[in-house]
Amino acid sequence: MRDQEDVETNSRQGFAQDFSNMDNGVPQPVTMSPKNWAGGELNPQDAWLPLTESRKGTIYSTTFHLLCSGLGIQALLLPVAFATLGWAWGIICLSIVCSWKFYTMSLLVRLHESDSGIRYSRYVHLAVTAFGPKLGMLLALFPAMYLSGGACVQLIIIGGGIIKLLVRTVCKDGATCDPNSMHGILCFFVFMFMAICVAEYFPNLNSVAGVSVIGTITAIVYCTMIWALSIGKGRLNDVSYEPPAMDSTMESFSSVLNSVGIIFLAFRGQNVILEIQGTLPSNPRHPSCKRAWSGVTISHVVIALCLFSLALGGYRAYGNKVPFANTEVVKAVSQFHAQKISQFVLELLCILVLINCLTTFQIYGMVVFDNFEMKYTIRKKQPCPRWLRIVLRLFVGGFAFFLAVALPFLGRLSPLLGAVTSVPLTYVYPCFMWNSIKKPKPKGVIWCTNMGLGCLGVVLSVLFVVAAAWDLADKGLVANFFKP
């Protein structure tokens, strides 16, 4: 009993130190833990914030969170990558990237919790610990915030587009009603309103486990429907599996790099792995990494199966004439199969994608909500009141809606922004963070593997940026500000 009191006393002291040890408004993890740590929170502030308010997660909730956040509509672009790379190189690249992502996920799971009991439940905090306050913030803050906040904006754009497509499908292109009754801005607003209404009912990340179950089911079903339709309804006429002809060497080089970039960006969710693991309970006998690793393994296998099925099935059906482009995948499938499948199937496909976007919004949005509430708890040293939490979520939703309306072409910039944010955060930083924190034997197998993968990821990130910039310069960008 006395030991437990000492733990609580030391935890409160660490909490006080934590508030005084801030860098740019972001609290640093507790640097010292009680010697007689027996589990529990070392930083009581975590009990006030949406990501870590509840530590009652399970292997099942972790698995569904990872599936919902990691399997999305961006995976439907894989046939586009295969159209340039071909069967052999497409399968090789997809296999390598899948294994690379799995490896870096394992590193983050083991870095989440130190031997002393410190838990890094936010990606930025782990980066600060690994690289130092200034360099860690410089490298990780913008990518982490973009991949969370930017994902919410992208989901509004995609969700709004799906609502517009659903209305047009229901109206049978004007045969039964006016398909233009809902314009772009109204569709964006409807999606944002539904997403924020759902968010208001769930105070923390662990509480949205049921929502993630729904999101996972819808994602798996619509992915299966799309590759099954692609195969079941036959190939395009005169389908060819030869790479499309290019006018110049630079154009060919850029096309190959952009295709490889599509494969790299098809795997997402790395920026919320630590946050999801933060919902799990932990103690010295049963650390959170064991449960988290089970969830990571199961979810990654399911995601890999879906991605390989989409890539191979879509490429087999369309070859180098794949009709998919940017975020209008469902629209392209709808137009191609409109005469071959029932209207009910098209409507069901739209509804499934819409529900998946709404559920995914809850996970990425929770990271943004947590960041806003953290600033309040640091300043006031108390939990965020219920009314303020509602106001903050309305503000986040409104601001994301504004950005979606102002920048409806954001999806066109995804390759460029993804090369700057997602690639380093997913494939580069975990390798360097492991070497910095765990300090494996210099020039040993683990050290060399991490350095090699990290440096290769940096080079690829730069090449992806060059290829995406060249593609934008060559094809141009229709910057339709405030015209969704």
Protein backbone atom coordinates (compact mmCIF):
# COMPACT_ATOMS: atom_id res chain seq x y z
CA MET A 1 0.00 0.00 0.00
CA ARG A 2 2.86 2.30 0.89
CA ASP A 3 4.52 1.58 -2.48
CA GLN A 4 1.38 2.56 -4.35
CA GLU A 5 1.24 5.87 -2.45
CA ASP A 6 4.86 6.54 -3.39
CA VAL A 7 4.05 5.85 -7.04
CA GLU A 8 1.13 8.29 -6.99
CA THR A 9 3.23 10.95 -5.25
CA ASN A 10 6.04 10.60 -7.74
CA SER A 11 3.58 10.64 -10.63
CA ARG A 12 2.10 13.94 -9.43
CA GLN A 13 5.59 15.39 -9.12
CA GLY A 14 6.38 14.21 -12.64
CA PHE A 15 3.14 15.81 -13.83
CA ALA A 16 4.15 19.15 -12.35
CA GLN A 17 7.55 18.88 -14.02
CA ASP A 18 5.83 17.96 -17.29
CA PHE A 19 3.91 21.22 -17.39
CA SER A 20 7.09 23.23 -16.87
CA ASN A 21 8.96 21.28 -19.55
CA MET A 22 7.35 22.39 -22.78
CA ASP A 23 8.64 23.15 -26.24
CA ASN A 24 6.47 25.27 -28.53
CA GLY A 25 3.41 24.37 -26.49
CA VAL A 26 3.92 20.61 -26.77
CA PRO A 27 4.58 18.86 -23.45
CA GLN A 28 7.59 16.58 -23.35
CA PRO A 29 7.19 13.06 -21.98
CA VAL A 30 8.13 12.53 -18.35
CA THR A 31 11.89 11.98 -18.36
CA MET A 32 12.12 10.21 -15.00
CA SER A 33 9.82 7.52 -13.68
CA PRO A 34 9.42 6.14 -10.16
CA LYS A 35 11.89 3.39 -9.35
CA ASN A 36 9.09 1.27 -7.90
CA TRP A 37 6.80 1.76 -10.89
CA ALA A 38 4.04 -0.85 -10.83
CA GLY A 39 1.98 0.22 -13.81
CA GLY A 40 -0.49 3.06 -14.22
CA GLU A 41 -0.07 6.56 -15.56
CA LEU A 42 3.19 8.43 -15.19
CA ASN A 43 1.60 11.54 -16.69
CA PRO A 44 -1.88 12.23 -15.28
CA GLN A 45 -2.52 14.72 -18.09
CA ASP A 46 -3.06 11.74 -20.38
CA ALA A 47 -6.29 10.99 -18.50
CA TRP A 48 -7.68 14.34 -19.67
CA LEU A 49 -7.06 14.02 -23.42
CA PRO A 50 -9.18 12.23 -26.06
CA LEU A 51 -6.45 9.89 -27.29
CA THR A 52 -5.51 8.52 -23.87
CA GLU A 53 -8.56 9.29 -21.75
CA SER A 54 -9.49 5.60 -21.77
CA ARG A 55 -6.88 2.84 -21.48
CA LYS A 56 -9.42 0.02 -21.73
CA GLY A 57 -8.74 -1.04 -25.29
CA THR A 58 -8.40 -4.66 -26.40
CA ILE A 59 -6.73 -6.59 -29.19
CA TYR A 60 -10.01 -6.44 -31.10
CA SER A 61 -10.48 -2.68 -30.78
CA THR A 62 -6.85 -2.13 -31.78
CA THR A 63 -7.24 -4.36 -34.83
CA PHE A 64 -10.38 -2.57 -36.02
CA HIS A 65 -8.85 0.87 -35.41
CA LEU A 66 -5.82 -0.10 -37.49
CA LEU A 67 -7.97 -1.56 -40.26
CA CYS A 68 -10.30 1.43 -40.40
CA SER A 69 -7.44 3.94 -40.48
CA GLY A 70 -5.19 1.90 -42.77
CA LEU A 71 -7.57 0.71 -45.48
CA GLY A 72 -9.09 3.48 -47.54
CA ILE A 73 -10.07 4.66 -50.98
CA GLN A 74 -6.46 5.53 -51.90
CA ALA A 75 -5.83 1.78 -52.25
CA LEU A 76 -8.17 1.71 -55.25
CA LEU A 77 -5.51 3.50 -57.31
CA LEU A 78 -3.16 0.51 -57.27
CA PRO A 79 -4.25 -0.68 -60.78
CA VAL A 80 -2.97 2.69 -62.06
CA ALA A 81 0.49 1.88 -60.67
CA PHE A 82 0.43 -1.59 -62.21
CA ALA A 83 -0.52 -0.10 -65.60
CA THR A 84 2.92 1.53 -65.73
CA LEU A 85 5.00 -1.02 -63.83
CA GLY A 86 3.52 -4.19 -65.30
CA TRP A 87 2.88 -7.53 -63.63
CA ALA A 88 6.38 -8.40 -62.44
CA TRP A 89 7.61 -5.04 -61.18
CA GLY A 90 4.18 -4.17 -59.81
CA ILE A 91 4.05 -7.29 -57.65
CA ILE A 92 7.69 -6.87 -56.58
CA CYS A 93 7.22 -3.23 -55.57
CA LEU A 94 3.97 -3.93 -53.74
CA SER A 95 5.56 -6.85 -51.85
CA ILE A 96 8.62 -4.80 -50.85
CA VAL A 97 6.57 -1.82 -49.67
CA CYS A 98 4.18 -4.11 -47.76
CA SER A 99 7.12 -5.75 -45.94
CA TRP A 100 8.81 -2.40 -45.30
CA LYS A 101 5.64 -0.97 -43.77
CA PHE A 102 5.23 -4.05 -41.58
CA TYR A 103 8.80 -3.70 -40.33
CA THR A 104 8.47 -0.02 -39.40
CA MET A 105 5.16 -0.75 -37.68
CA SER A 106 6.93 -3.32 -35.51
CA LEU A 107 9.55 -0.70 -34.58
CA LEU A 108 6.93 1.83 -33.52
CA VAL A 109 5.01 -0.73 -31.47
CA ARG A 110 8.16 -1.56 -29.50
CA LEU A 111 9.16 2.10 -29.15
CA HIS A 112 5.77 3.08 -27.75
CA GLU A 113 6.70 2.08 -24.22
CA SER A 114 10.12 2.35 -22.59
CA ASP A 115 11.48 -0.02 -19.95
CA SER A 116 10.83 2.59 -17.26
CA GLY A 117 7.14 2.79 -18.13
CA ILE A 118 7.09 6.01 -20.16
CA ARG A 119 4.48 5.76 -22.92
CA TYR A 120 4.74 7.77 -26.13
CA SER A 121 1.13 7.92 -27.23
CA ARG A 122 1.73 10.61 -29.83
CA TYR A 123 4.04 10.43 -32.81
CA VAL A 124 5.46 13.92 -32.27
CA HIS A 125 6.43 13.11 -28.68
CA LEU A 126 8.37 10.05 -29.79
CA ALA A 127 10.13 12.07 -32.50
CA VAL A 128 11.08 14.74 -29.95
CA THR A 129 12.54 12.06 -27.68
CA ALA A 130 14.50 10.48 -30.53
CA PHE A 131 15.77 13.58 -32.35
CA GLY A 132 15.64 16.29 -29.69
CA PRO A 133 13.09 19.08 -29.13
CA LYS A 134 13.99 21.32 -32.08
CA LEU A 135 14.82 18.72 -34.73
CA GLY A 136 12.01 16.41 -33.63
CA MET A 137 9.41 19.17 -33.93
CA LEU A 138 10.85 20.29 -37.27
CA LEU A 139 10.76 16.81 -38.77
CA ALA A 140 7.53 15.40 -37.39
CA LEU A 141 5.10 18.19 -36.46
CA PHE A 142 3.96 19.23 -39.93
CA PRO A 143 3.80 15.67 -41.40
CA ALA A 144 1.87 14.34 -38.39
CA MET A 145 -0.57 17.24 -38.31
CA TYR A 146 -1.05 17.19 -42.09
CA LEU A 147 -1.71 13.45 -42.18
CA SER A 148 -4.37 13.90 -39.52
CA GLY A 149 -5.91 17.28 -40.32
CA GLY A 150 -5.26 16.91 -44.04
CA ALA A 151 -6.93 13.49 -43.98
CA CYS A 152 -10.07 15.09 -42.51
CA VAL A 153 -10.11 17.67 -45.32
CA GLN A 154 -9.55 14.99 -47.94
CA LEU A 155 -12.34 12.88 -46.46
CA ILE A 156 -14.74 15.82 -46.71
CA ILE A 157 -13.78 16.28 -50.38
CA ILE A 158 -14.14 12.57 -51.15
CA GLY A 159 -17.29 12.17 -49.04
CA GLY A 160 -18.90 15.23 -50.62
CA GLY A 161 -18.10 13.86 -54.08
CA ILE A 162 -19.65 10.51 -53.17
CA ILE A 163 -22.83 12.22 -51.94
CA LYS A 164 -23.07 14.08 -55.24
CA LEU A 165 -22.54 10.84 -57.17
CA LEU A 166 -25.14 9.06 -55.03
CA VAL A 167 -27.72 11.78 -55.72
CA ARG A 168 -27.02 11.55 -59.44
CA THR A 169 -27.35 7.75 -59.34
CA VAL A 170 -30.62 7.87 -57.41
CA CYS A 171 -31.99 10.49 -59.81
CA LYS A 172 -30.91 8.32 -62.78
CA ASP A 173 -29.14 11.33 -64.33
CA GLY A 174 -32.31 13.43 -64.29
CA ALA A 175 -34.91 10.81 -65.17
CA THR A 176 -36.63 10.88 -61.77
CA CYS A 177 -35.34 14.07 -60.10
CA ASP A 178 -32.92 16.93 -60.51
CA PRO A 179 -29.34 15.59 -60.07
CA ASN A 180 -28.07 19.16 -59.60
CA SER A 181 -30.28 19.80 -56.59
CA MET A 182 -27.22 19.35 -54.35
CA HIS A 183 -24.19 21.33 -55.52
CA GLY A 184 -20.63 20.74 -54.38
CA ILE A 185 -20.54 23.05 -51.36
CA LEU A 186 -23.81 21.65 -50.00
CA CYS A 187 -22.51 18.08 -50.40
CA PHE A 188 -19.35 19.00 -48.49
CA PHE A 189 -21.41 20.61 -45.75
CA VAL A 190 -23.71 17.59 -45.42
CA PHE A 191 -20.74 15.25 -45.02
CA MET A 192 -19.02 17.54 -42.52
CA PHE A 193 -22.23 17.92 -40.51
CA MET A 194 -22.70 14.14 -40.30
CA ALA A 195 -19.04 13.59 -39.35
CA ILE A 196 -19.08 16.15 -36.54
CA CYS A 197 -22.44 14.91 -35.23
CA VAL A 198 -20.93 11.45 -34.90
CA ALA A 199 -17.79 12.87 -33.28
CA GLU A 200 -19.81 14.67 -30.58
CA TYR A 201 -21.12 11.34 -29.27
CA PHE A 202 -17.66 9.83 -28.69
CA PRO A 203 -15.40 11.53 -26.14
CA ASN A 204 -12.21 9.54 -26.77
CA LEU A 205 -10.47 7.24 -29.23
CA ASN A 206 -11.28 4.03 -27.39
CA SER A 207 -15.00 4.87 -27.41
CA VAL A 208 -15.12 4.85 -31.24
CA ALA A 209 -14.16 1.15 -31.40
CA GLY A 210 -17.67 0.25 -32.55
CA VAL A 211 -17.48 2.90 -35.26
CA SER A 212 -14.18 1.41 -36.43
CA VAL A 213 -15.85 -2.00 -36.71
CA ILE A 214 -18.42 -0.50 -39.09
CA GLY A 215 -15.69 1.31 -41.02
CA THR A 216 -13.64 -1.87 -41.37
CA ILE A 217 -16.58 -3.90 -42.65
CA THR A 218 -17.56 -1.27 -45.22
CA ALA A 219 -13.96 -0.89 -46.45
CA ILE A 220 -13.47 -4.64 -46.92
CA VAL A 221 -16.86 -5.00 -48.62
CA TYR A 222 -16.44 -2.16 -51.13
CA CYS A 223 -12.85 -3.19 -51.92
CA THR A 224 -14.10 -6.72 -52.57
CA MET A 225 -17.00 -5.44 -54.66
CA ILE A 226 -14.74 -3.34 -56.86
CA TRP A 227 -12.16 -6.02 -57.67
CA ALA A 228 -14.92 -8.63 -58.03
CA LEU A 229 -16.82 -6.39 -60.45
CA SER A 230 -13.63 -5.71 -62.38
CA ILE A 231 -13.03 -9.42 -62.87
CA GLY A 232 -16.61 -10.64 -63.07
CA LYS A 233 -17.78 -8.20 -65.75
CA GLY A 234 -14.94 -9.02 -68.11
CA ARG A 235 -11.96 -7.19 -69.51
CA LEU A 236 -11.95 -4.08 -71.64
CA ASN A 237 -11.87 -4.61 -75.39
CA ASP A 238 -8.34 -5.03 -76.76
CA VAL A 239 -6.89 -4.94 -73.27
CA SER A 240 -3.11 -4.68 -73.24
CA TYR A 241 -0.62 -5.13 -70.41
CA GLU A 242 2.19 -3.23 -72.10
CA PRO A 243 3.15 0.06 -70.39
CA PRO A 244 1.64 3.09 -72.16
CA ALA A 245 3.94 4.88 -74.61
CA MET A 246 5.63 8.05 -73.40
CA ASP A 247 6.83 11.02 -75.43
CA SER A 248 10.13 11.51 -73.61
CA THR A 249 12.56 9.80 -71.24
CA MET A 250 11.74 12.25 -68.46
CA GLU A 251 8.04 11.55 -68.84
CA SER A 252 8.69 7.80 -68.58
CA PHE A 253 10.91 8.28 -65.54
CA SER A 254 8.29 10.50 -63.87
CA SER A 255 5.51 8.01 -64.65
CA VAL A 256 7.45 5.13 -63.09
CA LEU A 257 8.25 7.14 -59.96
CA ASN A 258 4.65 8.32 -59.61
CA SER A 259 3.46 4.71 -59.90
CA VAL A 260 5.88 3.57 -57.22
CA GLY A 261 4.71 6.53 -55.14
CA ILE A 262 1.10 5.35 -55.47
CA ILE A 263 2.14 2.00 -53.98
CA PHE A 264 3.96 3.72 -51.11
CA LEU A 265 0.97 5.96 -50.38
CA ALA A 266 -1.52 3.07 -50.60
CA PHE A 267 -0.44 2.11 -47.08
CA ARG A 268 -1.57 4.73 -44.61
CA GLY A 269 -2.29 5.09 -40.90
CA GLN A 270 1.30 5.00 -39.62
CA ASN A 271 0.81 8.38 -37.95
CA VAL A 272 -1.91 6.99 -35.64
CA ILE A 273 -0.34 3.65 -34.62
CA LEU A 274 1.14 5.08 -31.41
CA GLU A 275 -2.15 6.81 -30.61
CA ILE A 276 -4.12 3.59 -31.10
CA GLN A 277 -1.67 1.66 -28.94
CA GLY A 278 -2.13 4.37 -26.31
CA THR A 279 -5.70 3.11 -25.75
CA LEU A 280 -4.39 -0.22 -24.42
CA PRO A 281 -3.76 -0.91 -20.72
CA SER A 282 -0.21 -1.66 -19.65
CA ASN A 283 1.76 -2.92 -16.68
CA PRO A 284 5.21 -4.50 -16.23
CA ARG A 285 3.84 -8.05 -16.57
CA HIS A 286 1.61 -7.34 -19.56
CA PRO A 287 3.03 -4.42 -21.59
CA SER A 288 0.86 -2.89 -24.27
CA CYS A 289 3.21 -3.95 -27.06
CA LYS A 290 2.03 -7.59 -26.88
CA ARG A 291 -1.60 -6.73 -27.55
CA ALA A 292 -0.66 -4.06 -30.06
CA TRP A 293 1.56 -6.45 -31.99
CA SER A 294 -1.28 -8.95 -32.31
CA GLY A 295 -3.55 -6.21 -33.66
CA VAL A 296 -0.86 -4.97 -36.06
CA THR A 297 -0.23 -8.47 -37.43
CA ILE A 298 -3.90 -9.27 -38.00
CA SER A 299 -4.74 -5.90 -39.54
CA HIS A 300 -1.69 -5.88 -41.81
CA VAL A 301 -2.50 -9.32 -43.20
CA VAL A 302 -6.08 -8.24 -43.98
CA ILE A 303 -4.93 -4.96 -45.55
CA ALA A 304 -2.32 -6.76 -47.65
CA LEU A 305 -4.93 -9.22 -48.94
CA CYS A 306 -7.26 -6.38 -49.92
CA LEU A 307 -4.51 -4.37 -51.63
CA PHE A 308 -3.13 -7.30 -53.62
CA SER A 309 -6.65 -8.28 -54.69
CA LEU A 310 -7.43 -4.74 -55.84
CA ALA A 311 -4.14 -4.34 -57.68
CA LEU A 312 -4.17 -7.70 -59.44
CA GLY A 313 -7.92 -7.80 -60.13
CA GLY A 314 -8.10 -4.24 -61.41
CA TYR A 315 -5.02 -4.57 -63.60
CA ARG A 316 -6.22 -7.87 -65.05
CA ALA A 317 -9.54 -6.29 -66.06
CA TYR A 318 -8.29 -2.94 -67.41
CA GLY A 319 -4.60 -3.37 -68.26
CA ASN A 320 -3.01 -0.10 -69.31
CA LYS A 321 -6.47 1.36 -70.03
CA VAL A 322 -7.35 1.55 -66.37
CA PRO A 323 -10.04 4.25 -66.03
CA PHE A 324 -9.19 5.26 -62.48
CA ALA A 325 -7.82 8.74 -61.88
CA ASN A 326 -7.02 10.52 -58.63
CA THR A 327 -9.89 10.32 -56.12
CA GLU A 328 -12.64 9.65 -58.70
CA VAL A 329 -12.21 5.89 -58.51
CA VAL A 330 -15.80 5.10 -57.58
CA LYS A 331 -17.06 7.51 -60.24
CA ALA A 332 -14.96 5.77 -62.89
CA VAL A 333 -16.17 2.33 -61.82
CA SER A 334 -19.74 3.60 -61.83
CA GLN A 335 -19.43 4.95 -65.37
CA PHE A 336 -17.70 1.84 -66.70
CA HIS A 337 -20.13 -0.66 -65.20
CA ALA A 338 -23.31 1.41 -65.37
CA GLN A 339 -24.75 -0.71 -68.19
CA LYS A 340 -23.67 -4.05 -66.72
CA ILE A 341 -24.81 -3.95 -63.10
CA SER A 342 -27.96 -2.88 -61.32
CA GLN A 343 -28.55 0.59 -59.95
CA PHE A 344 -28.87 -0.94 -56.49
CA VAL A 345 -25.26 -2.18 -56.61
CA LEU A 346 -23.99 1.26 -57.66
CA GLU A 347 -25.96 2.92 -54.87
CA LEU A 348 -24.73 0.36 -52.35
CA LEU A 349 -21.14 0.98 -53.43
CA CYS A 350 -21.55 4.72 -52.90
CA ILE A 351 -23.15 4.23 -49.49
CA LEU A 352 -20.38 1.89 -48.34
CA VAL A 353 -17.65 4.34 -49.36
CA LEU A 354 -19.55 7.19 -47.70
CA ILE A 355 -19.91 5.29 -44.40
CA ASN A 356 -16.23 4.34 -44.50
CA CYS A 357 -15.23 7.98 -44.96
CA LEU A 358 -17.42 9.02 -42.01
CA THR A 359 -15.91 6.37 -39.73
CA THR A 360 -12.32 7.06 -40.77
CA PHE A 361 -12.89 10.76 -40.07
CA GLN A 362 -13.47 9.89 -36.41
CA ILE A 363 -10.00 8.36 -35.95
CA TYR A 364 -8.00 11.05 -37.73
CA GLY A 365 -10.22 13.78 -36.30
CA MET A 366 -9.54 12.53 -32.76
CA VAL A 367 -5.85 13.34 -33.23
CA VAL A 368 -6.74 16.92 -34.17
CA PHE A 369 -9.19 17.23 -31.26
CA ASP A 370 -6.50 15.93 -28.91
CA ASN A 371 -4.02 18.55 -30.10
CA PHE A 372 -6.45 21.40 -29.43
CA GLU A 373 -7.45 20.09 -26.01
CA MET A 374 -3.80 19.57 -25.07
CA LYS A 375 -3.15 23.28 -25.45
CA TYR A 376 -6.03 24.03 -23.07
CA THR A 377 -4.96 21.50 -20.43
CA ILE A 378 -1.37 22.79 -20.52
CA ARG A 379 -2.53 26.34 -19.95
CA LYS A 380 -5.32 25.67 -17.42
CA LYS A 381 -3.91 22.52 -15.78
CA GLN A 382 -7.37 20.94 -15.72
CA PRO A 383 -9.55 18.79 -18.00
CA CYS A 384 -11.37 20.40 -20.89
CA PRO A 385 -15.04 21.01 -19.92
CA ARG A 386 -17.74 19.30 -21.94
CA TRP A 387 -19.09 22.49 -23.49
CA LEU A 388 -15.64 23.57 -24.66
CA ARG A 389 -14.95 20.14 -26.12
CA ILE A 390 -18.13 20.50 -28.22
CA VAL A 391 -17.09 23.98 -29.35
CA LEU A 392 -13.60 22.81 -30.31
CA ARG A 393 -14.95 19.96 -32.40
CA LEU A 394 -17.38 22.26 -34.16
CA PHE A 395 -14.49 24.63 -34.85
CA VAL A 396 -12.30 21.82 -36.25
CA GLY A 397 -15.15 20.61 -38.46
CA GLY A 398 -15.90 24.13 -39.67
CA PHE A 399 -12.26 24.86 -40.45
CA ALA A 400 -11.83 21.55 -42.30
CA PHE A 401 -15.00 22.33 -44.28
CA PHE A 402 -13.61 25.76 -45.20
CA LEU A 403 -10.35 24.24 -46.44
CA ALA A 404 -12.22 21.59 -48.43
CA VAL A 405 -14.31 24.27 -50.16
CA ALA A 406 -11.31 26.56 -50.67
CA LEU A 407 -9.01 23.79 -51.93
CA PRO A 408 -11.17 21.19 -53.70
CA PHE A 409 -8.15 20.29 -55.86
CA LEU A 410 -6.19 19.06 -52.83
CA GLY A 411 -6.36 15.48 -54.11
CA ARG A 412 -4.33 16.54 -57.14
CA LEU A 413 -1.56 17.60 -54.76
CA SER A 414 -1.62 14.35 -52.80
CA PRO A 415 1.43 12.80 -54.56
CA LEU A 416 3.53 15.87 -53.79
CA LEU A 417 2.35 16.33 -50.21
CA GLY A 418 2.44 12.59 -49.56
CA ALA A 419 6.08 12.42 -50.64
CA VAL A 420 6.94 15.15 -48.13
CA THR A 421 4.85 13.82 -45.24
CA SER A 422 3.66 10.22 -45.48
CA VAL A 423 6.81 8.62 -46.90
CA PRO A 424 9.21 9.99 -44.24
CA LEU A 425 6.76 9.44 -41.39
CA THR A 426 5.96 5.87 -42.44
CA TYR A 427 9.15 4.47 -43.89
CA VAL A 428 12.05 6.68 -42.71
CA TYR A 429 11.64 8.09 -39.19
CA PRO A 430 10.89 4.79 -37.38
CA CYS A 431 14.22 3.37 -38.56
CA PHE A 432 16.21 6.37 -37.37
CA MET A 433 14.21 6.62 -34.13
CA TRP A 434 15.03 3.02 -33.25
CA ASN A 435 18.76 3.62 -33.69
CA SER A 436 18.56 6.85 -31.69
CA ILE A 437 16.58 5.48 -28.74
CA LYS A 438 17.54 1.80 -28.55
CA LYS A 439 21.15 2.39 -29.65
CA PRO A 440 21.84 -1.01 -31.24
CA LYS A 441 25.44 -2.07 -31.84
CA PRO A 442 27.01 0.30 -34.42
CA LYS A 443 27.45 -1.36 -37.79
CA GLY A 444 25.53 -4.39 -36.52
CA VAL A 445 22.74 -6.04 -38.50
CA ILE A 446 19.90 -4.03 -36.94
CA TRP A 447 21.82 -0.75 -37.08
CA CYS A 448 22.78 -1.24 -40.73
CA THR A 449 19.27 -2.36 -41.70
CA ASN A 450 17.69 0.72 -40.16
CA MET A 451 20.27 3.08 -41.62
CA GLY A 452 19.94 1.49 -45.06
CA LEU A 453 16.14 1.62 -45.09
CA GLY A 454 16.10 5.13 -43.63
CA CYS A 455 18.54 6.51 -46.20
CA LEU A 456 16.75 4.72 -49.05
CA GLY A 457 13.47 6.22 -47.85
CA VAL A 458 14.98 9.72 -47.86
CA VAL A 459 16.24 9.28 -51.43
CA LEU A 460 12.88 7.93 -52.60
CA SER A 461 11.04 10.77 -50.89
CA VAL A 462 13.15 13.31 -52.78
CA LEU A 463 12.62 11.46 -56.07
CA PHE A 464 8.85 11.30 -55.47
CA VAL A 465 8.79 15.06 -54.85
CA VAL A 466 10.68 15.68 -58.12
CA ALA A 467 8.38 13.35 -60.07
CA ALA A 468 5.20 14.86 -58.59
CA ALA A 469 6.44 18.41 -59.25
CA TRP A 470 7.36 17.48 -62.84
CA ASP A 471 3.92 15.95 -63.37
CA LEU A 472 2.22 19.10 -62.09
CA ALA A 473 4.40 21.30 -64.27
CA ASP A 474 3.79 19.13 -67.34
CA LYS A 475 0.04 18.57 -66.98
CA GLY A 476 -0.81 21.72 -65.07
CA LEU A 477 -3.05 22.21 -62.06
CA VAL A 478 -6.63 23.39 -62.26
CA ALA A 479 -6.72 25.46 -59.08
CA ASN A 480 -10.50 25.82 -58.76
CA PHE A 481 -10.49 27.79 -55.52
CA PHE A 482 -13.91 27.83 -53.83
CA LYS A 483 -15.44 25.92 -56.75
CA PRO A 484 -15.92 22.31 -55.61
